[in-house]
C-alpha cells in the first residue's frame, strides 16, 4: 500500500473557500465516509442539508445554503442532494462555480418504481449538464455517467483507504463477512440463495444498516451498522469478504477488505477490486454458488485468492491521494 504523506499540498484549496453542501448522514455509508474524509483533509466549509434525499430533501435548506455562497466561489455538492434538485441550482448558474460529486447515479438505486427512476434520471441529467465540473469516484462510473447524460470530461477521484494490519481470520475458510447497507441493491438475497447451496461449515456476518431480507439462515449474524474498532474487528476476524451488489459506483468496503489482505468474491466493483479477487456478474446466484463451493473445496484456490488480495493491498492509494486529486479539480475553478 502507498505510504500516506500525512499532508495535502498547501495552497491548492485555501481552508473555507469551498462550500461543501452535503446531506445529513442517517447511517454509515461509503459516500458519507468519502465526504467526511475529503472535507477534513481539505478544510472545506461543510453545510449540511436535512431531509431524506433524494426523494424528500429540504429544498429550502438547499436554497439557503447556495444563497450563502459568495459570487464566483465554488460550491461542491454531494450528488445525492444536487441531482435531486436542479430547479434549486438553476438560479445560481453562472453566479457560483458548481461541482457535483456523484457517489451513485440516482436511478441506479434498485427497487425504485420505473416512473420515479425516470424522473430522477432526468433531474440528474439537467443538474450535471449545468454544472461547471462533475466528479465520479471510479473510472467505470465516470464513463457510465458521461455516456448516460451526454457529458464530456467527467473527473475521476477514487476513494482512499487507511493502512491496516493483515486479517487474522479463523480456520482460513469458514467465517464470511459482508459489509453493506441491507437494501435490494446490495444483493443480500443473492448471497443468501448462494450460501444455501453450499454444503460446508460457514457463518456470515451482515454488517450494515437496514432491514434484513426474509429467510435468514441461523448461521447469518445481522449486526446492524458498525464503525471504528468494532468494524475493524469484524474485518480482522474474517476469512473471506463477500459482496453481491447489483450496482456500485466504486465499493469502498472492498478496498477496506483488501487493505487487510482479505480474499474477496464480489460483483459490480471492478475498479475497487482490480485484480485482487474474483469478480462475478451482478445478480447471478449460480455464479456465486459455484464460487463459494470452490472456496470451501479447493485449498489451492483459496491460497491463490489470498495472494491476489495481498498483491492488490500493495497497490491501494490513501485518502491523501484522494484529497490531492479533488483539490486539483477545485483549484481550477475557485476565484
C-alpha atoms as a PDB file:
ATOM      1  CA  UNK A   1       0.000   0.000   0.000  1.00  0.00           C
ATOM      2  CA  UNK A   2       1.178   3.502  -0.802  1.00  0.00           C
ATOM      3  CA  UNK A   3       2.592   5.159   2.293  1.00  0.00           C
ATOM      4  CA  UNK A   4       0.478   8.213   3.273  1.00  0.00           C
ATOM      5  CA  UNK A   5       2.203  11.559   3.181  1.00  0.00           C
ATOM      6  CA  UNK A   6       0.119  12.887   6.056  1.00  0.00           C
ATOM      7  CA  UNK A   7      -0.459  16.228   4.339  1.00  0.00           C
ATOM      8  CA  UNK A   8      -2.249  17.665   1.358  1.00  0.00           C
ATOM      9  CA  UNK A   9      -0.204  20.253  -0.558  1.00  0.00           C
ATOM     10  CA  UNK A  10      -0.882  23.716   0.779  1.00  0.00           C
ATOM     11  CA  UNK A  11      -2.241  26.426  -1.472  1.00  0.00           C
ATOM     12  CA  UNK A  12      -4.437  24.150  -3.581  1.00  0.00           C
ATOM     13  CA  UNK A  13      -7.683  24.830  -1.698  1.00  0.00           C
ATOM     14  CA  UNK A  14      -7.451  27.526   0.989  1.00  0.00           C
ATOM     15  CA  UNK A  15      -9.488  26.469   4.049  1.00  0.00           C
ATOM     16  CA  UNK A  16     -13.095  27.671   3.945  1.00  0.00           C
ATOM     17  CA  UNK A  17     -13.056  28.864   0.319  1.00  0.00           C
ATOM     18  CA  UNK A  18     -15.056  25.881  -0.979  1.00  0.00           C
ATOM     19  CA  UNK A  19     -18.609  25.421   0.313  1.00  0.00           C
ATOM     20  CA  UNK A  20     -19.348  21.689   0.571  1.00  0.00           C
ATOM     21  CA  UNK A  21     -23.109  21.092   0.550  1.00  0.00           C
ATOM     22  CA  UNK A  22     -23.970  17.582   1.679  1.00  0.00           C
ATOM     23  CA  UNK A  23     -26.810  15.617   3.228  1.00  0.00           C
ATOM     24  CA  UNK A  24     -27.196  14.941   6.915  1.00  0.00           C
ATOM     25  CA  UNK A  25     -25.954  11.363   7.370  1.00  0.00           C
ATOM     26  CA  UNK A  26     -28.628   8.964   8.589  1.00  0.00           C
ATOM     27  CA  UNK A  27     -26.457   5.816   8.642  1.00  0.00           C
ATOM     28  CA  UNK A  28     -22.860   4.854   7.857  1.00  0.00           C
ATOM     29  CA  UNK A  29     -22.140   4.645   4.124  1.00  0.00           C
ATOM     30  CA  UNK A  30     -19.229   4.861   1.719  1.00  0.00           C
ATOM     31  CA  UNK A  31     -20.488   8.164   0.367  1.00  0.00           C
ATOM     32  CA  UNK A  32     -20.699   9.773   3.799  1.00  0.00           C
ATOM     33  CA  UNK A  33     -17.221   8.494   4.668  1.00  0.00           C
ATOM     34  CA  UNK A  34     -15.786   9.902   1.427  1.00  0.00           C
ATOM     35  CA  UNK A  35     -17.382  13.288   2.151  1.00  0.00           C
ATOM     36  CA  UNK A  36     -16.102  13.307   5.726  1.00  0.00           C
ATOM     37  CA  UNK A  37     -12.540  12.431   4.814  1.00  0.00           C
ATOM     38  CA  UNK A  38     -12.050  14.917   1.978  1.00  0.00           C
ATOM     39  CA  UNK A  39     -13.763  17.706   3.904  1.00  0.00           C
ATOM     40  CA  UNK A  40     -11.400  17.226   6.811  1.00  0.00           C
ATOM     41  CA  UNK A  41      -8.236  16.941   4.725  1.00  0.00           C
ATOM     42  CA  UNK A  42      -9.029  19.940   2.521  1.00  0.00           C
ATOM     43  CA  UNK A  43     -10.579  22.197   5.148  1.00  0.00           C
ATOM     44  CA  UNK A  44     -13.831  22.549   3.228  1.00  0.00           C
ATOM     45  CA  UNK A  45     -16.673  24.583   4.729  1.00  0.00           C
ATOM     46  CA  UNK A  46     -19.350  21.938   5.344  1.00  0.00           C
ATOM     47  CA  UNK A  47     -23.016  22.896   5.006  1.00  0.00           C
ATOM     48  CA  UNK A  48     -25.438  20.138   5.978  1.00  0.00           C
ATOM     49  CA  UNK A  49     -28.889  19.933   4.427  1.00  0.00           C
ATOM     50  CA  UNK A  50     -31.541  17.849   6.158  1.00  0.00           C
ATOM     51  CA  UNK A  51     -34.271  15.627   4.783  1.00  0.00           C
ATOM     52  CA  UNK A  52     -34.361  12.203   3.156  1.00  0.00           C
ATOM     53  CA  UNK A  53     -32.569  12.733  -0.133  1.00  0.00           C
ATOM     54  CA  UNK A  54     -33.147  12.300  -2.999  1.00  0.00           C
ATOM     55  CA  UNK A  55     -36.941  11.900  -2.685  1.00  0.00           C
ATOM     56  CA  UNK A  56     -37.748  14.138   0.276  1.00  0.00           C
ATOM     57  CA  UNK A  57     -34.908  16.573   0.892  1.00  0.00           C
ATOM     58  CA  UNK A  58     -35.029  20.024   2.467  1.00  0.00           C
ATOM     59  CA  UNK A  59     -35.223  22.140  -0.684  1.00  0.00           C
ATOM     60  CA  UNK A  60     -35.473  25.392   1.254  1.00  0.00           C
ATOM     61  CA  UNK A  61     -32.375  24.463   3.224  1.00  0.00           C
ATOM     62  CA  UNK A  62     -30.523  23.758  -0.016  1.00  0.00           C
ATOM     63  CA  UNK A  63     -31.631  27.112  -1.431  1.00  0.00           C
ATOM     64  CA  UNK A  64     -30.342  28.892   1.685  1.00  0.00           C
ATOM     65  CA  UNK A  65     -27.040  27.034   1.507  1.00  0.00           C
ATOM     66  CA  UNK A  66     -26.473  28.067  -2.106  1.00  0.00           C
ATOM     67  CA  UNK A  67     -27.554  31.657  -1.451  1.00  0.00           C
ATOM     68  CA  UNK A  68     -24.791  31.903   1.174  1.00  0.00           C
ATOM     69  CA  UNK A  69     -22.070  31.074  -1.366  1.00  0.00           C
ATOM     70  CA  UNK A  70     -20.408  34.340  -2.483  1.00  0.00           C
ATOM     71  CA  UNK A  71     -20.442  35.233  -6.161  1.00  0.00           C
ATOM     72  CA  UNK A  72     -17.726  33.441  -8.098  1.00  0.00           C
ATOM     73  CA  UNK A  73     -16.913  30.998  -5.314  1.00  0.00           C
ATOM     74  CA  UNK A  74     -17.037  27.204  -5.569  1.00  0.00           C
ATOM     75  CA  UNK A  75     -19.957  25.138  -4.320  1.00  0.00           C
ATOM     76  CA  UNK A  76     -19.129  21.429  -4.131  1.00  0.00           C
ATOM     77  CA  UNK A  77     -22.345  19.444  -3.803  1.00  0.00           C
ATOM     78  CA  UNK A  78     -22.905  15.795  -2.957  1.00  0.00           C
ATOM     79  CA  UNK A  79     -24.831  14.345  -5.894  1.00  0.00           C
ATOM     80  CA  UNK A  80     -27.494  12.884  -3.626  1.00  0.00           C
ATOM     81  CA  UNK A  81     -28.551  16.468  -2.914  1.00  0.00           C
ATOM     82  CA  UNK A  82     -27.651  18.296  -6.113  1.00  0.00           C
ATOM     83  CA  UNK A  83     -29.002  15.824  -8.664  1.00  0.00           C
ATOM     84  CA  UNK A  84     -32.404  15.688  -6.975  1.00  0.00           C
ATOM     85  CA  UNK A  85     -32.976  19.438  -7.169  1.00  0.00           C
ATOM     86  CA  UNK A  86     -31.820  21.063 -10.429  1.00  0.00           C
ATOM     87  CA  UNK A  87     -34.539  23.706 -10.036  1.00  0.00           C
ATOM     88  CA  UNK A  88     -32.830  24.917  -6.851  1.00  0.00           C
ATOM     89  CA  UNK A  89     -29.412  25.043  -8.525  1.00  0.00           C
ATOM     90  CA  UNK A  90     -30.709  26.783 -11.667  1.00  0.00           C
ATOM     91  CA  UNK A  91     -30.909  30.357 -10.242  1.00  0.00           C
ATOM     92  CA  UNK A  92     -27.255  30.152  -9.175  1.00  0.00           C
ATOM     93  CA  UNK A  93     -25.883  29.013 -12.537  1.00  0.00           C
ATOM     94  CA  UNK A  94     -23.141  31.393 -13.596  1.00  0.00           C
ATOM     95  CA  UNK A  95     -23.104  33.127 -10.201  1.00  0.00           C
ATOM     96  CA  UNK A  96     -21.215  30.358  -8.383  1.00  0.00           C
ATOM     97  CA  UNK A  97     -18.979  27.590  -9.701  1.00  0.00           C
ATOM     98  CA  UNK A  98     -20.858  24.333  -9.171  1.00  0.00           C
ATOM     99  CA  UNK A  99     -19.058  20.984  -8.778  1.00  0.00           C
ATOM    100  CA  UNK A 100     -21.185  17.855  -8.340  1.00  0.00           C
ATOM    101  CA  UNK A 101     -19.707  14.782  -6.658  1.00  0.00           C
ATOM    102  CA  UNK A 102     -21.624  11.691  -7.830  1.00  0.00           C
ATOM    103  CA  UNK A 103     -21.391   8.734  -5.459  1.00  0.00           C
ATOM    104  CA  UNK A 104     -24.180   6.787  -7.197  1.00  0.00           C
ATOM    105  CA  UNK A 105     -26.429   7.802 -10.107  1.00  0.00           C
ATOM    106  CA  UNK A 106     -29.863   8.324  -8.565  1.00  0.00           C
ATOM    107  CA  UNK A 107     -31.718   5.961 -10.891  1.00  0.00           C
ATOM    108  CA  UNK A 108     -29.282   3.112 -10.108  1.00  0.00           C
ATOM    109  CA  UNK A 109     -30.890   2.514  -6.719  1.00  0.00           C
ATOM    110  CA  UNK A 110     -32.622  -0.862  -7.025  1.00  0.00           C
ATOM    111  CA  UNK A 111     -36.331  -1.099  -6.254  1.00  0.00           C
ATOM    112  CA  UNK A 112     -37.449   2.339  -7.410  1.00  0.00           C
ATOM    113  CA  UNK A 113     -40.713   2.469  -9.362  1.00  0.00           C
ATOM    114  CA  UNK A 114     -39.970   2.991 -13.061  1.00  0.00           C
ATOM    115  CA  UNK A 115     -41.653   6.406 -13.069  1.00  0.00           C
ATOM    116  CA  UNK A 116     -39.596   7.601 -10.099  1.00  0.00           C
ATOM    117  CA  UNK A 117     -36.351   6.275 -11.576  1.00  0.00           C
ATOM    118  CA  UNK A 118     -37.026   8.033 -14.887  1.00  0.00           C
ATOM    119  CA  UNK A 119     -37.794  11.323 -13.148  1.00  0.00           C
ATOM    120  CA  UNK A 120     -34.658  11.132 -11.020  1.00  0.00           C
ATOM    121  CA  UNK A 121     -32.588  10.303 -14.084  1.00  0.00           C
ATOM    122  CA  UNK A 122     -33.960  13.367 -15.913  1.00  0.00           C
ATOM    123  CA  UNK A 123     -33.300  15.596 -12.907  1.00  0.00           C
ATOM    124  CA  UNK A 124     -29.757  14.275 -12.626  1.00  0.00           C
ATOM    125  CA  UNK A 125     -29.141  14.936 -16.320  1.00  0.00           C
ATOM    126  CA  UNK A 126     -30.308  18.540 -16.017  1.00  0.00           C
ATOM    127  CA  UNK A 127     -28.157  19.091 -12.934  1.00  0.00           C
ATOM    128  CA  UNK A 128     -24.961  17.573 -14.325  1.00  0.00           C
ATOM    129  CA  UNK A 129     -25.238  19.309 -17.680  1.00  0.00           C
ATOM    130  CA  UNK A 130     -25.432  22.664 -15.921  1.00  0.00           C
ATOM    131  CA  UNK A 131     -22.514  22.011 -13.539  1.00  0.00           C
ATOM    132  CA  UNK A 132     -19.079  23.531 -14.049  1.00  0.00           C
ATOM    133  CA  UNK A 133     -17.480  20.179 -13.195  1.00  0.00           C
ATOM    134  CA  UNK A 134     -18.663  16.654 -12.437  1.00  0.00           C
ATOM    135  CA  UNK A 135     -16.668  14.227 -10.285  1.00  0.00           C
ATOM    136  CA  UNK A 136     -17.194  10.461 -10.149  1.00  0.00           C
ATOM    137  CA  UNK A 137     -15.500   8.040  -7.791  1.00  0.00           C
ATOM    138  CA  UNK A 138     -14.297   5.444 -10.298  1.00  0.00           C
ATOM    139  CA  UNK A 139     -13.249   5.300 -13.960  1.00  0.00           C
ATOM    140  CA  UNK A 140     -16.127   2.951 -14.794  1.00  0.00           C
ATOM    141  CA  UNK A 141     -18.645   5.253 -13.115  1.00  0.00           C
ATOM    142  CA  UNK A 142     -17.270   8.305 -14.922  1.00  0.00           C
ATOM    143  CA  UNK A 143     -17.664   6.543 -18.269  1.00  0.00           C
ATOM    144  CA  UNK A 144     -21.226   5.443 -17.435  1.00  0.00           C
ATOM    145  CA  UNK A 145     -22.258   8.901 -16.264  1.00  0.00           C
ATOM    146  CA  UNK A 146     -20.749  10.581 -19.322  1.00  0.00           C
ATOM    147  CA  UNK A 147     -22.472   8.202 -21.724  1.00  0.00           C
ATOM    148  CA  UNK A 148     -25.777   8.296 -19.872  1.00  0.00           C
ATOM    149  CA  UNK A 149     -26.068  12.068 -19.742  1.00  0.00           C
ATOM    150  CA  UNK A 150     -24.054  13.172 -22.769  1.00  0.00           C
ATOM    151  CA  UNK A 151     -21.236  14.730 -20.740  1.00  0.00           C
ATOM    152  CA  UNK A 152     -17.604  15.369 -21.566  1.00  0.00           C
ATOM    153  CA  UNK A 153     -14.656  15.364 -19.203  1.00  0.00           C
ATOM    154  CA  UNK A 154     -16.091  13.769 -16.052  1.00  0.00           C
ATOM    155  CA  UNK A 155     -13.313  13.863 -13.448  1.00  0.00           C
ATOM    156  CA  UNK A 156     -12.303  10.728 -11.530  1.00  0.00           C
ATOM    157  CA  UNK A 157     -11.406  10.903  -7.828  1.00  0.00           C
ATOM    158  CA  UNK A 158     -11.016   7.407  -6.406  1.00  0.00           C
ATOM    159  CA  UNK A 159     -11.661   6.817  -2.680  1.00  0.00           C
ATOM    160  CA  UNK A 160      -8.669   6.114  -0.491  1.00  0.00           C
ATOM    161  CA  UNK A 161      -8.215   3.560   2.237  1.00  0.00           C
ATOM    162  CA  UNK A 162      -6.386   3.560   5.544  1.00  0.00           C
ATOM    163  CA  UNK A 163      -3.457   1.180   6.027  1.00  0.00           C
ATOM    164  CA  UNK A 164      -4.477  -1.771   8.202  1.00  0.00           C
ATOM    165  CA  UNK A 165      -2.846  -4.903   9.629  1.00  0.00           C
ATOM    166  CA  UNK A 166      -3.483  -8.201   7.840  1.00  0.00           C
ATOM    167  CA  UNK A 167      -6.653 -10.043   8.820  1.00  0.00           C
ATOM    168  CA  UNK A 168      -6.079 -12.928  11.217  1.00  0.00           C
ATOM    169  CA  UNK A 169      -9.232 -14.881  10.319  1.00  0.00           C
ATOM    170  CA  UNK A 170     -10.278 -18.170  11.902  1.00  0.00           C
ATOM    171  CA  UNK A 171      -9.652 -21.520  10.239  1.00  0.00           C
ATOM    172  CA  UNK A 172      -8.882 -19.921   6.880  1.00  0.00           C
ATOM    173  CA  UNK A 173     -12.262 -20.510   5.250  1.00  0.00           C
ATOM    174  CA  UNK A 174     -15.410 -20.619   7.360  1.00  0.00           C
ATOM    175  CA  UNK A 175     -16.056 -17.059   8.580  1.00  0.00           C
ATOM    176  CA  UNK A 176     -17.552 -14.830   5.866  1.00  0.00           C
ATOM    177  CA  UNK A 177     -18.160 -11.091   6.087  1.00  0.00           C
ATOM    178  CA  UNK A 178     -20.464  -8.797   4.107  1.00  0.00           C
ATOM    179  CA  UNK A 179     -20.383  -5.067   4.922  1.00  0.00           C
ATOM    180  CA  UNK A 180     -23.204  -3.262   3.126  1.00  0.00           C
ATOM    181  CA  UNK A 181     -26.476  -1.483   3.788  1.00  0.00           C
ATOM    182  CA  UNK A 182     -29.300  -4.008   3.801  1.00  0.00           C
ATOM    183  CA  UNK A 183     -31.028  -2.739   0.671  1.00  0.00           C
ATOM    184  CA  UNK A 184     -32.034  -4.584  -2.527  1.00  0.00           C
ATOM    185  CA  UNK A 185     -29.139  -3.023  -4.458  1.00  0.00           C
ATOM    186  CA  UNK A 186     -26.578  -4.745  -2.231  1.00  0.00           C
ATOM    187  CA  UNK A 187     -27.812  -8.220  -3.190  1.00  0.00           C
ATOM    188  CA  UNK A 188     -28.052  -9.910   0.207  1.00  0.00           C
ATOM    189  CA  UNK A 189     -30.816 -12.080  -1.258  1.00  0.00           C
ATOM    190  CA  UNK A 190     -28.404 -13.275  -3.962  1.00  0.00           C
ATOM    191  CA  UNK A 191     -25.772 -14.082  -1.363  1.00  0.00           C
ATOM    192  CA  UNK A 192     -28.256 -15.937   0.857  1.00  0.00           C
ATOM    193  CA  UNK A 193     -29.523 -18.018  -2.059  1.00  0.00           C
ATOM    194  CA  UNK A 194     -25.940 -18.925  -2.984  1.00  0.00           C
ATOM    195  CA  UNK A 195     -24.999 -19.853   0.579  1.00  0.00           C
ATOM    196  CA  UNK A 196     -27.987 -22.196   0.814  1.00  0.00           C
ATOM    197  CA  UNK A 197     -26.378 -24.208  -1.976  1.00  0.00           C
ATOM    198  CA  UNK A 198     -23.069 -24.622  -0.122  1.00  0.00           C
ATOM    199  CA  UNK A 199     -22.600 -27.845   1.850  1.00  0.00           C
ATOM    200  CA  UNK A 200     -19.817 -26.705   4.169  1.00  0.00           C
ATOM    201  CA  UNK A 201     -19.466 -25.237   7.664  1.00  0.00           C
ATOM    202  CA  UNK A 202     -19.790 -21.472   7.383  1.00  0.00           C
ATOM    203  CA  UNK A 203     -21.005 -18.381   9.203  1.00  0.00           C
ATOM    204  CA  UNK A 204     -21.604 -14.967   7.651  1.00  0.00           C
ATOM    205  CA  UNK A 205     -21.939 -11.567   9.305  1.00  0.00           C
ATOM    206  CA  UNK A 206     -24.159  -8.984   7.629  1.00  0.00           C
ATOM    207  CA  UNK A 207     -22.825  -5.626   8.839  1.00  0.00           C
ATOM    208  CA  UNK A 208     -24.794  -2.532   7.898  1.00  0.00           C
ATOM    209  CA  UNK A 209     -27.976  -0.548   8.463  1.00  0.00           C
ATOM    210  CA  UNK A 210     -31.390  -1.613   7.246  1.00  0.00           C
ATOM    211  CA  UNK A 211     -33.844  -4.490   7.465  1.00  0.00           C
ATOM    212  CA  UNK A 212     -32.509  -7.974   6.700  1.00  0.00           C
ATOM    213  CA  UNK A 213     -34.120  -9.923   3.855  1.00  0.00           C
ATOM    214  CA  UNK A 214     -36.606 -12.695   4.588  1.00  0.00           C
ATOM    215  CA  UNK A 215     -35.460 -16.261   5.085  1.00  0.00           C
ATOM    216  CA  UNK A 216     -32.267 -15.715   7.065  1.00  0.00           C
ATOM    217  CA  UNK A 217     -30.264 -18.821   7.893  1.00  0.00           C
ATOM    218  CA  UNK A 218     -29.355 -19.204  11.569  1.00  0.00           C
ATOM    219  CA  UNK A 219     -25.705 -19.097  10.504  1.00  0.00           C
ATOM    220  CA  UNK A 220     -26.151 -15.464   9.433  1.00  0.00           C
ATOM    221  CA  UNK A 221     -25.496 -12.809  12.068  1.00  0.00           C
ATOM    222  CA  UNK A 222     -27.070  -9.392  11.466  1.00  0.00           C
ATOM    223  CA  UNK A 223     -25.095  -6.836  13.470  1.00  0.00           C
ATOM    224  CA  UNK A 224     -26.544  -3.530  12.318  1.00  0.00           C
ATOM    225  CA  UNK A 225     -24.147  -0.698  11.415  1.00  0.00           C
ATOM    226  CA  UNK A 226     -20.664  -0.823  12.916  1.00  0.00           C
ATOM    227  CA  UNK A 227     -17.850   1.723  12.808  1.00  0.00           C
ATOM    228  CA  UNK A 228     -14.397   2.230  14.236  1.00  0.00           C
ATOM    229  CA  UNK A 229     -12.811  -0.544  16.278  1.00  0.00           C
ATOM    230  CA  UNK A 230     -15.931  -2.733  16.156  1.00  0.00           C
ATOM    231  CA  UNK A 231     -15.924  -2.761  12.359  1.00  0.00           C
ATOM    232  CA  UNK A 232     -12.145  -3.227  12.191  1.00  0.00           C
ATOM    233  CA  UNK A 233     -12.507  -6.260  14.441  1.00  0.00           C
ATOM    234  CA  UNK A 234     -15.010  -7.815  12.033  1.00  0.00           C
ATOM    235  CA  UNK A 235     -12.595  -7.425   9.139  1.00  0.00           C
ATOM    236  CA  UNK A 236      -9.724  -8.802  11.229  1.00  0.00           C
ATOM    237  CA  UNK A 237     -11.607 -11.978  12.179  1.00  0.00           C
ATOM    238  CA  UNK A 238     -12.989 -12.757   8.692  1.00  0.00           C
ATOM    239  CA  UNK A 239     -11.664 -15.388   6.295  1.00  0.00           C
ATOM    240  CA  UNK A 240     -13.485 -14.184   3.156  1.00  0.00           C
ATOM    241  CA  UNK A 241     -15.208 -10.954   2.181  1.00  0.00           C
ATOM    242  CA  UNK A 242     -18.331 -11.322   0.032  1.00  0.00           C
ATOM    243  CA  UNK A 243     -20.432  -8.661  -1.692  1.00  0.00           C
ATOM    244  CA  UNK A 244     -23.221  -9.467  -4.167  1.00  0.00           C
ATOM    245  CA  UNK A 245     -24.165  -5.921  -5.175  1.00  0.00           C
ATOM    246  CA  UNK A 246     -26.321  -5.349  -8.214  1.00  0.00           C
ATOM    247  CA  UNK A 247     -24.807  -1.882  -8.753  1.00  0.00           C
ATOM    248  CA  UNK A 248     -21.951   0.122  -7.223  1.00  0.00           C
ATOM    249  CA  UNK A 249     -20.087   3.249  -8.207  1.00  0.00           C
ATOM    250  CA  UNK A 250     -16.871   2.073  -6.552  1.00  0.00           C
ATOM    251  CA  UNK A 251     -17.247  -0.176  -3.491  1.00  0.00           C
ATOM    252  CA  UNK A 252     -15.126   1.199  -0.648  1.00  0.00           C
ATOM    253  CA  UNK A 253     -15.825  -1.812   1.568  1.00  0.00           C
ATOM    254  CA  UNK A 254     -13.917  -3.947  -0.935  1.00  0.00           C
ATOM    255  CA  UNK A 255     -10.747  -1.879  -0.589  1.00  0.00           C
ATOM    256  CA  UNK A 256     -11.225  -1.940   3.201  1.00  0.00           C
ATOM    257  CA  UNK A 257     -11.092  -5.732   2.955  1.00  0.00           C
ATOM    258  CA  UNK A 258      -8.160  -5.744   0.549  1.00  0.00           C
ATOM    259  CA  UNK A 259      -6.238  -3.343   2.804  1.00  0.00           C
ATOM    260  CA  UNK A 260      -6.183  -6.253   5.255  1.00  0.00           C
ATOM    261  CA  UNK A 261      -5.206  -8.824   2.621  1.00  0.00           C
ATOM    262  CA  UNK A 262      -8.658 -10.386   2.935  1.00  0.00           C
ATOM    263  CA  UNK A 263      -9.759 -12.503  -0.066  1.00  0.00           C
ATOM    264  CA  UNK A 264     -12.770 -11.105  -1.922  1.00  0.00           C
ATOM    265  CA  UNK A 265     -15.593 -12.562  -4.023  1.00  0.00           C
ATOM    266  CA  UNK A 266     -17.835  -9.759  -5.263  1.00  0.00           C
ATOM    267  CA  UNK A 267     -19.881  -8.265  -8.087  1.00  0.00           C
ATOM    268  CA  UNK A 268     -20.266  -4.754  -9.582  1.00  0.00           C
ATOM    269  CA  UNK A 269     -16.936  -3.479  -8.162  1.00  0.00           C
ATOM    270  CA  UNK A 270     -14.370  -3.730 -10.992  1.00  0.00           C
ATOM    271  CA  UNK A 271     -12.367  -0.630 -10.073  1.00  0.00           C
ATOM    272  CA  UNK A 272     -12.193  -1.286  -6.343  1.00  0.00           C
ATOM    273  CA  UNK A 273     -11.344  -4.965  -6.789  1.00  0.00           C
ATOM    274  CA  UNK A 274      -8.873  -4.587  -9.648  1.00  0.00           C
ATOM    275  CA  UNK A 275      -7.044  -7.898  -9.900  1.00  0.00           C
ATOM    276  CA  UNK A 276      -7.413  -8.523  -6.182  1.00  0.00           C
ATOM    277  CA  UNK A 277     -10.112 -11.191  -6.201  1.00  0.00           C
ATOM    278  CA  UNK A 278     -12.973 -12.823  -8.083  1.00  0.00           C
ATOM    279  CA  UNK A 279     -15.427 -10.525  -9.868  1.00  0.00           C
ATOM    280  CA  UNK A 280     -18.801 -12.131 -10.674  1.00  0.00           C
ATOM    281  CA  UNK A 281     -21.798 -10.962 -12.728  1.00  0.00           C
ATOM    282  CA  UNK A 282     -24.328  -8.985 -10.653  1.00  0.00           C
ATOM    283  CA  UNK A 283     -27.420 -10.916  -9.624  1.00  0.00           C
ATOM    284  CA  UNK A 284     -26.023 -14.302 -10.686  1.00  0.00           C
ATOM    285  CA  UNK A 285     -26.903 -16.757  -7.906  1.00  0.00           C
ATOM    286  CA  UNK A 286     -25.384 -19.679  -9.796  1.00  0.00           C
ATOM    287  CA  UNK A 287     -22.031 -17.944 -10.206  1.00  0.00           C
ATOM    288  CA  UNK A 288     -21.884 -17.084  -6.505  1.00  0.00           C
ATOM    289  CA  UNK A 289     -22.880 -20.635  -5.541  1.00  0.00           C
ATOM    290  CA  UNK A 290     -20.141 -22.153  -7.697  1.00  0.00           C
ATOM    291  CA  UNK A 291     -17.537 -19.705  -6.400  1.00  0.00           C
ATOM    292  CA  UNK A 292     -18.425 -20.343  -2.752  1.00  0.00           C
ATOM    293  CA  UNK A 293     -18.413 -24.108  -3.242  1.00  0.00           C
ATOM    294  CA  UNK A 294     -14.956 -23.841  -4.777  1.00  0.00           C
ATOM    295  CA  UNK A 295     -13.785 -21.606  -1.922  1.00  0.00           C
ATOM    296  CA  UNK A 296     -14.571 -24.325   0.595  1.00  0.00           C
ATOM    297  CA  UNK A 297     -13.421 -27.268  -1.525  1.00  0.00           C
ATOM    298  CA  UNK A 298     -10.189 -26.049  -3.131  1.00  0.00           C
ATOM    299  CA  UNK A 299      -7.268 -25.280  -0.786  1.00  0.00           C
ATOM    300  CA  UNK A 300      -5.038 -24.151  -3.641  1.00  0.00           C
ATOM    301  CA  UNK A 301      -7.648 -21.716  -4.953  1.00  0.00           C
ATOM    302  CA  UNK A 302      -8.086 -20.195  -1.508  1.00  0.00           C
ATOM    303  CA  UNK A 303      -4.345 -19.634  -1.389  1.00  0.00           C
ATOM    304  CA  UNK A 304      -4.457 -18.047  -4.835  1.00  0.00           C
ATOM    305  CA  UNK A 305      -7.204 -15.628  -3.760  1.00  0.00           C
ATOM    306  CA  UNK A 306      -5.183 -14.667  -0.687  1.00  0.00           C
ATOM    307  CA  UNK A 307      -2.161 -13.974  -2.877  1.00  0.00           C
ATOM    308  CA  UNK A 308      -4.258 -11.800  -5.190  1.00  0.00           C
ATOM    309  CA  UNK A 309      -5.572  -9.833  -2.210  1.00  0.00           C
ATOM    310  CA  UNK A 310      -2.067  -9.282  -0.847  1.00  0.00           C
ATOM    311  CA  UNK A 311      -0.843  -8.055  -4.234  1.00  0.00           C
ATOM    312  CA  UNK A 312      -3.770  -5.642  -4.558  1.00  0.00           C
ATOM    313  CA  UNK A 313      -3.167  -4.449  -0.986  1.00  0.00           C
ATOM    314  CA  UNK A 314       0.226  -3.120  -2.070  1.00  0.00           C
ATOM    315  CA  UNK A 315      -1.391  -1.060  -4.872  1.00  0.00           C
ATOM    316  CA  UNK A 316      -4.073   0.757  -2.886  1.00  0.00           C
ATOM    317  CA  UNK A 317      -3.835   4.508  -2.505  1.00  0.00           C
ATOM    318  CA  UNK A 318      -4.625   6.542   0.593  1.00  0.00           C
ATOM    319  CA  UNK A 319      -7.040   9.336   1.458  1.00  0.00           C
ATOM    320  CA  UNK A 320      -4.242  11.856   0.983  1.00  0.00           C
ATOM    321  CA  UNK A 321      -4.143  10.885  -2.695  1.00  0.00           C
ATOM    322  CA  UNK A 322      -7.916  11.248  -2.905  1.00  0.00           C
ATOM    323  CA  UNK A 323      -7.768  14.711  -1.355  1.00  0.00           C
ATOM    324  CA  UNK A 324      -4.998  15.828  -3.731  1.00  0.00           C
ATOM    325  CA  UNK A 325      -6.989  14.673  -6.764  1.00  0.00           C
ATOM    326  CA  UNK A 326     -10.120  16.500  -5.635  1.00  0.00           C
ATOM    327  CA  UNK A 327      -8.082  19.583  -4.712  1.00  0.00           C
ATOM    328  CA  UNK A 328      -6.774  19.734  -8.281  1.00  0.00           C
ATOM    329  CA  UNK A 329     -10.329  19.833  -9.648  1.00  0.00           C
ATOM    330  CA  UNK A 330     -11.441  22.512  -7.188  1.00  0.00           C
ATOM    331  CA  UNK A 331      -8.325  24.659  -7.593  1.00  0.00           C
ATOM    332  CA  UNK A 332      -9.027  25.046 -11.305  1.00  0.00           C
ATOM    333  CA  UNK A 333     -12.445  26.549 -10.543  1.00  0.00           C
ATOM    334  CA  UNK A 334     -12.031  28.763  -7.472  1.00  0.00           C
ATOM    335  CA  UNK A 335     -11.556  32.540  -7.953  1.00  0.00           C
END
